[in-house]
Amino acid sequence: MMRLGYILVRAKYALSVPRIQAVAIETSSVCNRKCSWCPNGRYTRESGVLSEDLFRLVIEQLKDYGFRGNLTFNLYNEPLCDERLPRLVRLSRAALPGAFLYLNTKAALINNMYM
């Protein structure tokens, strides 16, 4: 009887292992500000972009995983500095229809391209 209880506890644990709930993909390390509260305001780092091949690989892996959590396109960058952003968002939406896509921006670069 004790063994059955152990198996049931293990099965319950296996079913309750948390899934990934949030992913942040920094598509570009470029930022147009030096905010005092952000590490970009205190440190310098190389400016660069994530290759589109690597971005697509991550999105495909999230799709295969069945990802339905939050996906953001920034970390310590300004996502609107990446001209590829609209295309990358469309690609993400097509591959991950159940995910919540969002980004944080300082909005200084919003223009008709993003409206």
Protein backbone atom coordinates (compact mmCIF):
# COMPACT_ATOMS: atom_id res chain seq x y z
CA MET A 1 0.00 0.00 0.00
CA MET A 2 2.86 2.36 0.81
CA ARG A 3 4.33 1.84 -2.67
CA LEU A 4 1.04 2.86 -4.35
CA GLY A 5 1.00 6.12 -2.34
CA TYR A 6 4.55 6.86 -3.47
CA ILE A 7 3.63 6.23 -7.12
CA LEU A 8 0.58 8.50 -6.87
CA VAL A 9 2.67 11.29 -5.32
CA ARG A 10 5.27 10.93 -8.09
CA ALA A 11 2.57 10.98 -10.78
CA LYS A 12 0.99 14.09 -9.26
CA TYR A 13 4.41 15.80 -9.18
CA ALA A 14 5.11 14.90 -12.81
CA LEU A 15 1.80 16.46 -13.86
CA SER A 16 2.42 19.61 -11.84
CA VAL A 17 5.90 20.48 -13.12
CA PRO A 18 5.59 24.13 -14.15
CA ARG A 19 5.84 25.01 -17.82
CA ILE A 20 7.84 27.94 -19.13
CA GLN A 21 5.65 30.99 -18.64
CA ALA A 22 7.75 33.84 -20.05
CA VAL A 23 10.53 34.26 -22.61
CA ALA A 24 12.44 37.45 -23.41
CA ILE A 25 14.24 37.62 -26.76
CA GLU A 26 16.50 40.64 -27.14
CA THR A 27 16.58 40.92 -30.93
CA SER A 28 19.02 43.83 -30.79
CA SER A 29 21.25 45.17 -28.04
CA VAL A 30 20.83 48.74 -29.30
CA CYS A 31 19.26 51.34 -27.03
CA ASN A 32 18.75 55.02 -27.78
CA ARG A 33 18.75 56.13 -24.12
CA LYS A 34 20.92 55.94 -21.01
CA CYS A 35 18.28 55.72 -18.29
CA SER A 36 19.64 55.99 -14.74
CA TRP A 37 17.69 52.94 -13.53
CA CYS A 38 18.87 50.69 -16.36
CA PRO A 39 22.24 48.90 -16.63
CA ASN A 40 22.62 50.58 -20.04
CA GLY A 41 22.93 53.88 -18.19
CA ARG A 42 25.93 52.66 -16.20
CA TYR A 43 27.65 50.13 -18.44
CA THR A 44 28.59 49.97 -22.07
CA ARG A 45 28.17 46.90 -24.19
CA GLU A 46 28.61 46.01 -27.81
CA SER A 47 25.74 46.88 -30.11
CA GLY A 48 24.58 44.00 -32.22
CA VAL A 49 21.61 42.08 -33.50
CA LEU A 50 20.45 38.52 -32.99
CA SER A 51 20.71 36.63 -36.26
CA GLU A 52 17.37 35.93 -37.86
CA ASP A 53 18.33 32.26 -38.19
CA LEU A 54 18.82 31.99 -34.42
CA PHE A 55 15.58 33.90 -33.80
CA ARG A 56 13.69 31.47 -36.06
CA LEU A 57 15.30 28.51 -34.30
CA VAL A 58 14.16 29.78 -30.89
CA ILE A 59 10.63 30.40 -32.18
CA GLU A 60 10.49 26.92 -33.74
CA GLN A 61 11.66 25.35 -30.48
CA LEU A 62 8.98 27.29 -28.58
CA LYS A 63 6.40 26.10 -31.11
CA ASP A 64 7.52 22.47 -30.70
CA TYR A 65 7.28 22.93 -26.93
CA GLY A 66 3.71 24.19 -27.24
CA PHE A 67 4.58 27.55 -25.69
CA ARG A 68 1.53 29.58 -24.64
CA GLY A 69 3.13 32.05 -22.25
CA ASN A 70 4.38 35.63 -22.50
CA LEU A 71 6.90 36.49 -25.20
CA THR A 72 8.65 39.85 -25.17
CA PHE A 73 11.14 41.28 -27.63
CA ASN A 74 13.25 43.27 -25.25
CA LEU A 75 15.42 43.05 -22.18
CA TYR A 76 17.80 46.00 -21.83
CA ASN A 77 17.32 47.27 -25.35
CA GLU A 78 14.91 49.52 -27.23
CA PRO A 79 13.03 47.04 -29.44
CA LEU A 80 11.96 49.74 -31.92
CA CYS A 81 15.63 50.24 -32.87
CA ASP A 82 15.42 46.90 -34.69
CA GLU A 83 13.96 47.53 -38.15
CA ARG A 84 13.12 43.82 -38.43
CA LEU A 85 10.71 43.99 -35.49
CA PRO A 86 7.41 44.00 -37.43
CA ARG A 87 8.52 40.95 -39.44
CA LEU A 88 9.77 39.12 -36.34
CA VAL A 89 6.52 39.80 -34.51
CA ARG A 90 4.48 38.48 -37.48
CA LEU A 91 6.67 35.37 -37.63
CA SER A 92 6.21 34.83 -33.87
CA ARG A 93 2.44 35.31 -34.04
CA ALA A 94 2.12 32.81 -36.88
CA ALA A 95 4.18 30.18 -35.06
CA LEU A 96 2.82 30.83 -31.54
CA PRO A 97 -0.88 31.70 -31.82
CA GLY A 98 -1.51 30.95 -28.13
CA ALA A 99 1.30 33.16 -26.81
CA PHE A 100 0.89 36.70 -25.49
CA LEU A 101 3.32 38.92 -27.42
CA TYR A 102 4.36 42.27 -25.98
CA LEU A 103 7.22 44.71 -25.69
CA ASN A 104 8.28 47.58 -23.51
CA THR A 105 9.43 50.73 -25.24
CA LYS A 106 10.32 54.30 -24.46
CA ALA A 107 8.19 55.15 -27.54
CA ALA A 108 10.60 57.83 -28.82
CA LEU A 109 10.87 55.98 -32.15
CA ILE A 110 7.18 55.39 -32.79
CA ASN A 111 6.24 56.64 -36.23
CA ASN A 112 3.86 55.67 -39.01
CA MET A 113 5.75 52.40 -39.54
CA TYR A 114 4.49 51.13 -36.18
CA MET A 115 1.05 52.77 -36.15
